[in-house]
Amino acid sequence: MEEFEKGERVELVHTADEYTRLQQGDQGTVARWDARLGHLEVDWDSGSKLTIIPELGDEVRRF
């Protein structure tokens, strides 16, 4: 996964988390990028704190 900077804006493309209320197209701000683990912590505009984990099938894009 490409690296992200704190404060960048992202949009959810897909999440494998079946319990989240987030939907494709929801937007948020990068809170932290953990390059060692490959996890992207996002403060979603909806209030969710779902972490993006690409190896589990999650995907975001910059906008």
PDB file of N, CA and C in Angstrom:
ATOM      1  N   MET A   1       0.855  -1.193   0.000  1.00  0.00           N
ATOM      2  CA  MET A   1       0.000   0.000   0.000  1.00  0.00           C
ATOM      3  C   MET A   1       0.886   1.235   0.000  1.00  0.00           C
ATOM      4  N   GLU A   2       0.440   2.233  -0.723  1.00  0.00           N
ATOM      5  CA  GLU A   2       1.172   3.496  -0.752  1.00  0.00           C
ATOM      6  C   GLU A   2       1.121   4.173   0.619  1.00  0.00           C
ATOM      7  N   GLU A   3       2.038   5.069   0.859  1.00  0.00           N
ATOM      8  CA  GLU A   3       2.084   5.764   2.141  1.00  0.00           C
ATOM      9  C   GLU A   3       1.168   6.980   2.134  1.00  0.00           C
ATOM     10  N   PHE A   4       0.686   7.334   3.300  1.00  0.00           N
ATOM     11  CA  PHE A   4      -0.201   8.475   3.473  1.00  0.00           C
ATOM     12  C   PHE A   4       0.355   9.399   4.536  1.00  0.00           C
ATOM     13  N   GLU A   5       0.026  10.674   4.427  1.00  0.00           N
ATOM     14  CA  GLU A   5       0.435  11.681   5.395  1.00  0.00           C
ATOM     15  C   GLU A   5      -0.748  12.068   6.268  1.00  0.00           C
ATOM     16  N   LYS A   6      -0.466  12.328   7.539  1.00  0.00           N
ATOM     17  CA  LYS A   6      -1.507  12.804   8.444  1.00  0.00           C
ATOM     18  C   LYS A   6      -2.165  14.045   7.851  1.00  0.00           C
ATOM     19  N   GLY A   7      -3.476  14.100   7.893  1.00  0.00           N
ATOM     20  CA  GLY A   7      -4.227  15.240   7.367  1.00  0.00           C
ATOM     21  C   GLY A   7      -4.725  15.071   5.952  1.00  0.00           C
ATOM     22  N   GLU A   8      -4.205  14.063   5.224  1.00  0.00           N
ATOM     23  CA  GLU A   8      -4.697  13.826   3.864  1.00  0.00           C
ATOM     24  C   GLU A   8      -6.154  13.375   3.909  1.00  0.00           C
ATOM     25  N   ARG A   9      -6.891  13.718   2.883  1.00  0.00           N
ATOM     26  CA  ARG A   9      -8.291  13.317   2.779  1.00  0.00           C
ATOM     27  C   ARG A   9      -8.381  12.057   1.927  1.00  0.00           C
ATOM     28  N   VAL A  10      -9.208  11.109   2.391  1.00  0.00           N
ATOM     29  CA  VAL A  10      -9.385   9.848   1.678  1.00  0.00           C
ATOM     30  C   VAL A  10     -10.869   9.516   1.567  1.00  0.00           C
ATOM     31  N   GLU A  11     -11.155   8.647   0.627  1.00  0.00           N
ATOM     32  CA  GLU A  11     -12.515   8.178   0.385  1.00  0.00           C
ATOM     33  C   GLU A  11     -12.499   6.655   0.416  1.00  0.00           C
ATOM     34  N   LEU A  12     -13.484   6.060   1.064  1.00  0.00           N
ATOM     35  CA  LEU A  12     -13.565   4.608   1.158  1.00  0.00           C
ATOM     36  C   LEU A  12     -13.974   4.013  -0.186  1.00  0.00           C
ATOM     37  N   VAL A  13     -13.174   3.069  -0.654  1.00  0.00           N
ATOM     38  CA  VAL A  13     -13.487   2.325  -1.872  1.00  0.00           C
ATOM     39  C   VAL A  13     -14.156   1.005  -1.482  1.00  0.00           C
ATOM     40  N   HIS A  14     -13.571   0.335  -0.473  1.00  0.00           N
ATOM     41  CA  HIS A  14     -14.115  -0.956  -0.024  1.00  0.00           C
ATOM     42  C   HIS A  14     -13.593  -1.270   1.371  1.00  0.00           C
ATOM     43  N   THR A  15     -14.424  -1.900   2.184  1.00  0.00           N
ATOM     44  CA  THR A  15     -13.980  -2.463   3.456  1.00  0.00           C
ATOM     45  C   THR A  15     -14.538  -3.869   3.602  1.00  0.00           C
ATOM     46  N   ALA A  16     -13.713  -4.737   4.187  1.00  0.00           N
ATOM     47  CA  ALA A  16     -14.135  -6.110   4.439  1.00  0.00           C
ATOM     48  C   ALA A  16     -14.851  -6.232   5.785  1.00  0.00           C
ATOM     49  N   ASP A  17     -14.922  -5.144   6.540  1.00  0.00           N
ATOM     50  CA  ASP A  17     -15.574  -5.159   7.853  1.00  0.00           C
ATOM     51  C   ASP A  17     -17.086  -5.180   7.671  1.00  0.00           C
ATOM     52  N   GLU A  18     -17.689  -6.301   7.970  1.00  0.00           N
ATOM     53  CA  GLU A  18     -19.133  -6.453   7.753  1.00  0.00           C
ATOM     54  C   GLU A  18     -19.972  -5.755   8.820  1.00  0.00           C
ATOM     55  N   TYR A  19     -19.345  -5.255   9.877  1.00  0.00           N
ATOM     56  CA  TYR A  19     -20.090  -4.637  10.979  1.00  0.00           C
ATOM     57  C   TYR A  19     -20.072  -3.111  10.956  1.00  0.00           C
ATOM     58  N   THR A  20     -19.267  -2.515  10.097  1.00  0.00           N
ATOM     59  CA  THR A  20     -19.188  -1.055  10.044  1.00  0.00           C
ATOM     60  C   THR A  20     -20.400  -0.469   9.325  1.00  0.00           C
ATOM     61  N   ARG A  21     -20.718   0.746   9.689  1.00  0.00           N
ATOM     62  CA  ARG A  21     -21.789   1.476   8.984  1.00  0.00           C
ATOM     63  C   ARG A  21     -21.240   2.297   7.825  1.00  0.00           C
ATOM     64  N   LEU A  22     -19.912   2.324   7.685  1.00  0.00           N
ATOM     65  CA  LEU A  22     -19.318   3.059   6.578  1.00  0.00           C
ATOM     66  C   LEU A  22     -19.713   2.431   5.254  1.00  0.00           C
ATOM     67  N   GLN A  23     -19.853   3.277   4.252  1.00  0.00           N
ATOM     68  CA  GLN A  23     -20.226   2.813   2.916  1.00  0.00           C
ATOM     69  C   GLN A  23     -19.234   3.347   1.900  1.00  0.00           C
ATOM     70  N   GLN A  24     -19.191   2.713   0.756  1.00  0.00           N
ATOM     71  CA  GLN A  24     -18.343   3.170  -0.333  1.00  0.00           C
ATOM     72  C   GLN A  24     -18.622   4.646  -0.584  1.00  0.00           C
ATOM     73  N   GLY A  25     -17.559   5.444  -0.690  1.00  0.00           N
ATOM     74  CA  GLY A  25     -17.700   6.870  -0.947  1.00  0.00           C
ATOM     75  C   GLY A  25     -17.622   7.730   0.305  1.00  0.00           C
ATOM     76  N   ASP A  26     -17.736   7.119   1.501  1.00  0.00           N
ATOM     77  CA  ASP A  26     -17.586   7.899   2.732  1.00  0.00           C
ATOM     78  C   ASP A  26     -16.180   8.483   2.795  1.00  0.00           C
ATOM     79  N   GLN A  27     -16.076   9.658   3.383  1.00  0.00           N
ATOM     80  CA  GLN A  27     -14.810  10.392   3.388  1.00  0.00           C
ATOM     81  C   GLN A  27     -14.289  10.602   4.802  1.00  0.00           C
ATOM     82  N   GLY A  28     -12.962  10.755   4.885  1.00  0.00           N
ATOM     83  CA  GLY A  28     -12.344  10.973   6.183  1.00  0.00           C
ATOM     84  C   GLY A  28     -10.959  11.573   6.035  1.00  0.00           C
ATOM     85  N   THR A  29     -10.321  11.798   7.185  1.00  0.00           N
ATOM     86  CA  THR A  29      -8.997  12.406   7.248  1.00  0.00           C
ATOM     87  C   THR A  29      -8.025  11.421   7.885  1.00  0.00           C
ATOM     88  N   VAL A  30      -6.865  11.270   7.262  1.00  0.00           N
ATOM     89  CA  VAL A  30      -5.849  10.363   7.790  1.00  0.00           C
ATOM     90  C   VAL A  30      -5.371  10.881   9.142  1.00  0.00           C
ATOM     91  N   ALA A  31      -5.466  10.014  10.161  1.00  0.00           N
ATOM     92  CA  ALA A  31      -4.982  10.349  11.499  1.00  0.00           C
ATOM     93  C   ALA A  31      -3.561   9.828  11.697  1.00  0.00           C
ATOM     94  N   ARG A  32      -3.276   8.669  11.104  1.00  0.00           N
ATOM     95  CA  ARG A  32      -1.955   8.058  11.285  1.00  0.00           C
ATOM     96  C   ARG A  32      -1.754   6.959  10.260  1.00  0.00           C
ATOM     97  N   TRP A  33      -0.531   6.877   9.744  1.00  0.00           N
ATOM     98  CA  TRP A  33      -0.143   5.801   8.840  1.00  0.00           C
ATOM     99  C   TRP A  33       0.924   4.982   9.543  1.00  0.00           C
ATOM    100  N   ASP A  34       0.685   3.703   9.771  1.00  0.00           N
ATOM    101  CA  ASP A  34       1.665   2.810  10.389  1.00  0.00           C
ATOM    102  C   ASP A  34       2.294   1.971   9.288  1.00  0.00           C
ATOM    103  N   ALA A  35       3.457   2.409   8.817  1.00  0.00           N
ATOM    104  CA  ALA A  35       4.124   1.733   7.703  1.00  0.00           C
ATOM    105  C   ALA A  35       4.563   0.325   8.090  1.00  0.00           C
ATOM    106  N   ARG A  36       4.919   0.124   9.333  1.00  0.00           N
ATOM    107  CA  ARG A  36       5.385  -1.194   9.783  1.00  0.00           C
ATOM    108  C   ARG A  36       4.270  -2.234   9.666  1.00  0.00           C
ATOM    109  N   LEU A  37       3.077  -1.871  10.103  1.00  0.00           N
ATOM    110  CA  LEU A  37       1.941  -2.791  10.049  1.00  0.00           C
ATOM    111  C   LEU A  37       1.118  -2.661   8.768  1.00  0.00           C
ATOM    112  N   GLY A  38       1.274  -1.527   8.062  1.00  0.00           N
ATOM    113  CA  GLY A  38       0.479  -1.292   6.856  1.00  0.00           C
ATOM    114  C   GLY A  38      -0.956  -0.922   7.174  1.00  0.00           C
ATOM    115  N   HIS A  39      -1.168  -0.297   8.342  1.00  0.00           N
ATOM    116  CA  HIS A  39      -2.507   0.108   8.772  1.00  0.00           C
ATOM    117  C   HIS A  39      -2.669   1.607   8.625  1.00  0.00           C
ATOM    118  N   LEU A  40      -3.848   2.009   8.191  1.00  0.00           N
ATOM    119  CA  LEU A  40      -4.163   3.420   8.005  1.00  0.00           C
ATOM    120  C   LEU A  40      -5.302   3.789   8.945  1.00  0.00           C
ATOM    121  N   GLU A  41      -4.996   4.624   9.940  1.00  0.00           N
ATOM    122  CA  GLU A  41      -6.019   5.082  10.875  1.00  0.00           C
ATOM    123  C   GLU A  41      -6.675   6.323  10.293  1.00  0.00           C
ATOM    124  N   VAL A  42      -7.999   6.292  10.200  1.00  0.00           N
ATOM    125  CA  VAL A  42      -8.759   7.374   9.570  1.00  0.00           C
ATOM    126  C   VAL A  42      -9.816   7.887  10.538  1.00  0.00           C
ATOM    127  N   ASP A  43      -9.924   9.200  10.646  1.00  0.00           N
ATOM    128  CA  ASP A  43     -11.037   9.826  11.356  1.00  0.00           C
ATOM    129  C   ASP A  43     -12.103  10.113  10.300  1.00  0.00           C
ATOM    130  N   TRP A  44     -13.105   9.266  10.241  1.00  0.00           N
ATOM    131  CA  TRP A  44     -14.143   9.388   9.226  1.00  0.00           C
ATOM    132  C   TRP A  44     -15.076  10.541   9.570  1.00  0.00           C
ATOM    133  N   ASP A  45     -15.562  11.239   8.559  1.00  0.00           N
ATOM    134  CA  ASP A  45     -16.466  12.380   8.757  1.00  0.00           C
ATOM    135  C   ASP A  45     -17.725  11.976   9.525  1.00  0.00           C
ATOM    136  N   SER A  46     -18.093  10.719   9.434  1.00  0.00           N
ATOM    137  CA  SER A  46     -19.295  10.215  10.116  1.00  0.00           C
ATOM    138  C   SER A  46     -19.069  10.009  11.613  1.00  0.00           C
ATOM    139  N   GLY A  47     -17.800  10.105  12.053  1.00  0.00           N
ATOM    140  CA  GLY A  47     -17.476   9.875  13.455  1.00  0.00           C
ATOM    141  C   GLY A  47     -16.837   8.519  13.705  1.00  0.00           C
ATOM    142  N   SER A  48     -16.854   7.636  12.718  1.00  0.00           N
ATOM    143  CA  SER A  48     -16.240   6.323  12.843  1.00  0.00           C
ATOM    144  C   SER A  48     -14.726   6.459  12.936  1.00  0.00           C
ATOM    145  N   LYS A  49     -14.092   5.493  13.567  1.00  0.00           N
ATOM    146  CA  LYS A  49     -12.627   5.455  13.686  1.00  0.00           C
ATOM    147  C   LYS A  49     -12.060   4.201  13.023  1.00  0.00           C
ATOM    148  N   LEU A  50     -12.772   3.635  12.068  1.00  0.00           N
ATOM    149  CA  LEU A  50     -12.354   2.394  11.422  1.00  0.00           C
ATOM    150  C   LEU A  50     -10.953   2.524  10.833  1.00  0.00           C
ATOM    151  N   THR A  51     -10.082   1.580  11.183  1.00  0.00           N
ATOM    152  CA  THR A  51      -8.734   1.509  10.632  1.00  0.00           C
ATOM    153  C   THR A  51      -8.767   0.695   9.343  1.00  0.00           C
ATOM    154  N   ILE A  52      -8.094   1.196   8.325  1.00  0.00           N
ATOM    155  CA  ILE A  52      -8.032   0.514   7.034  1.00  0.00           C
ATOM    156  C   ILE A  52      -6.861  -0.468   7.053  1.00  0.00           C
ATOM    157  N   ILE A  53      -7.168  -1.736   6.748  1.00  0.00           N
ATOM    158  CA  ILE A  53      -6.152  -2.792   6.733  1.00  0.00           C
ATOM    159  C   ILE A  53      -6.172  -3.442   5.349  1.00  0.00           C
ATOM    160  N   PRO A  54      -5.302  -2.987   4.457  1.00  0.00           N
ATOM    161  CA  PRO A  54      -5.314  -3.475   3.075  1.00  0.00           C
ATOM    162  C   PRO A  54      -5.182  -4.991   2.943  1.00  0.00           C
ATOM    163  N   GLU A  55      -4.409  -5.623   3.790  1.00  0.00           N
ATOM    164  CA  GLU A  55      -4.230  -7.068   3.650  1.00  0.00           C
ATOM    165  C   GLU A  55      -5.516  -7.851   3.947  1.00  0.00           C
ATOM    166  N   LEU A  56      -6.500  -7.175   4.532  1.00  0.00           N
ATOM    167  CA  LEU A  56      -7.799  -7.806   4.763  1.00  0.00           C
ATOM    168  C   LEU A  56      -8.819  -7.423   3.685  1.00  0.00           C
ATOM    169  N   GLY A  57      -8.380  -6.633   2.700  1.00  0.00           N
ATOM    170  CA  GLY A  57      -9.254  -6.272   1.598  1.00  0.00           C
ATOM    171  C   GLY A  57      -9.787  -4.856   1.632  1.00  0.00           C
ATOM    172  N   ASP A  58      -9.376  -4.078   2.644  1.00  0.00           N
ATOM    173  CA  ASP A  58      -9.827  -2.673   2.722  1.00  0.00           C
ATOM    174  C   ASP A  58      -9.089  -1.820   1.700  1.00  0.00           C
ATOM    175  N   GLU A  59      -9.786  -0.799   1.193  1.00  0.00           N
ATOM    176  CA  GLU A  59      -9.173   0.074   0.185  1.00  0.00           C
ATOM    177  C   GLU A  59      -9.738   1.489   0.285  1.00  0.00           C
ATOM    178  N   VAL A  60      -8.851   2.474   0.198  1.00  0.00           N
ATOM    179  CA  VAL A  60      -9.236   3.876   0.124  1.00  0.00           C
ATOM    180  C   VAL A  60      -8.507   4.527  -1.038  1.00  0.00           C
ATOM    181  N   ARG A  61      -8.957   5.714  -1.396  1.00  0.00           N
ATOM    182  CA  ARG A  61      -8.248   6.500  -2.408  1.00  0.00           C
ATOM    183  C   ARG A  61      -8.197   7.942  -1.941  1.00  0.00           C
ATOM    184  N   ARG A  62      -7.173   8.646  -2.362  1.00  0.00           N
ATOM    185  CA  ARG A  62      -7.085  10.078  -2.062  1.00  0.00           C
ATOM    186  C   ARG A  62      -8.075  10.839  -2.924  1.00  0.00           C
ATOM    187  N   PHE A  63      -8.504  11.982  -2.415  1.00  0.00           N
ATOM    188  CA  PHE A  63      -9.330  12.855  -3.256  1.00  0.00           C
ATOM    189  C   PHE A  63      -8.966  14.286  -2.997  1.00  0.00           C
TER     190      PHE A  63
END
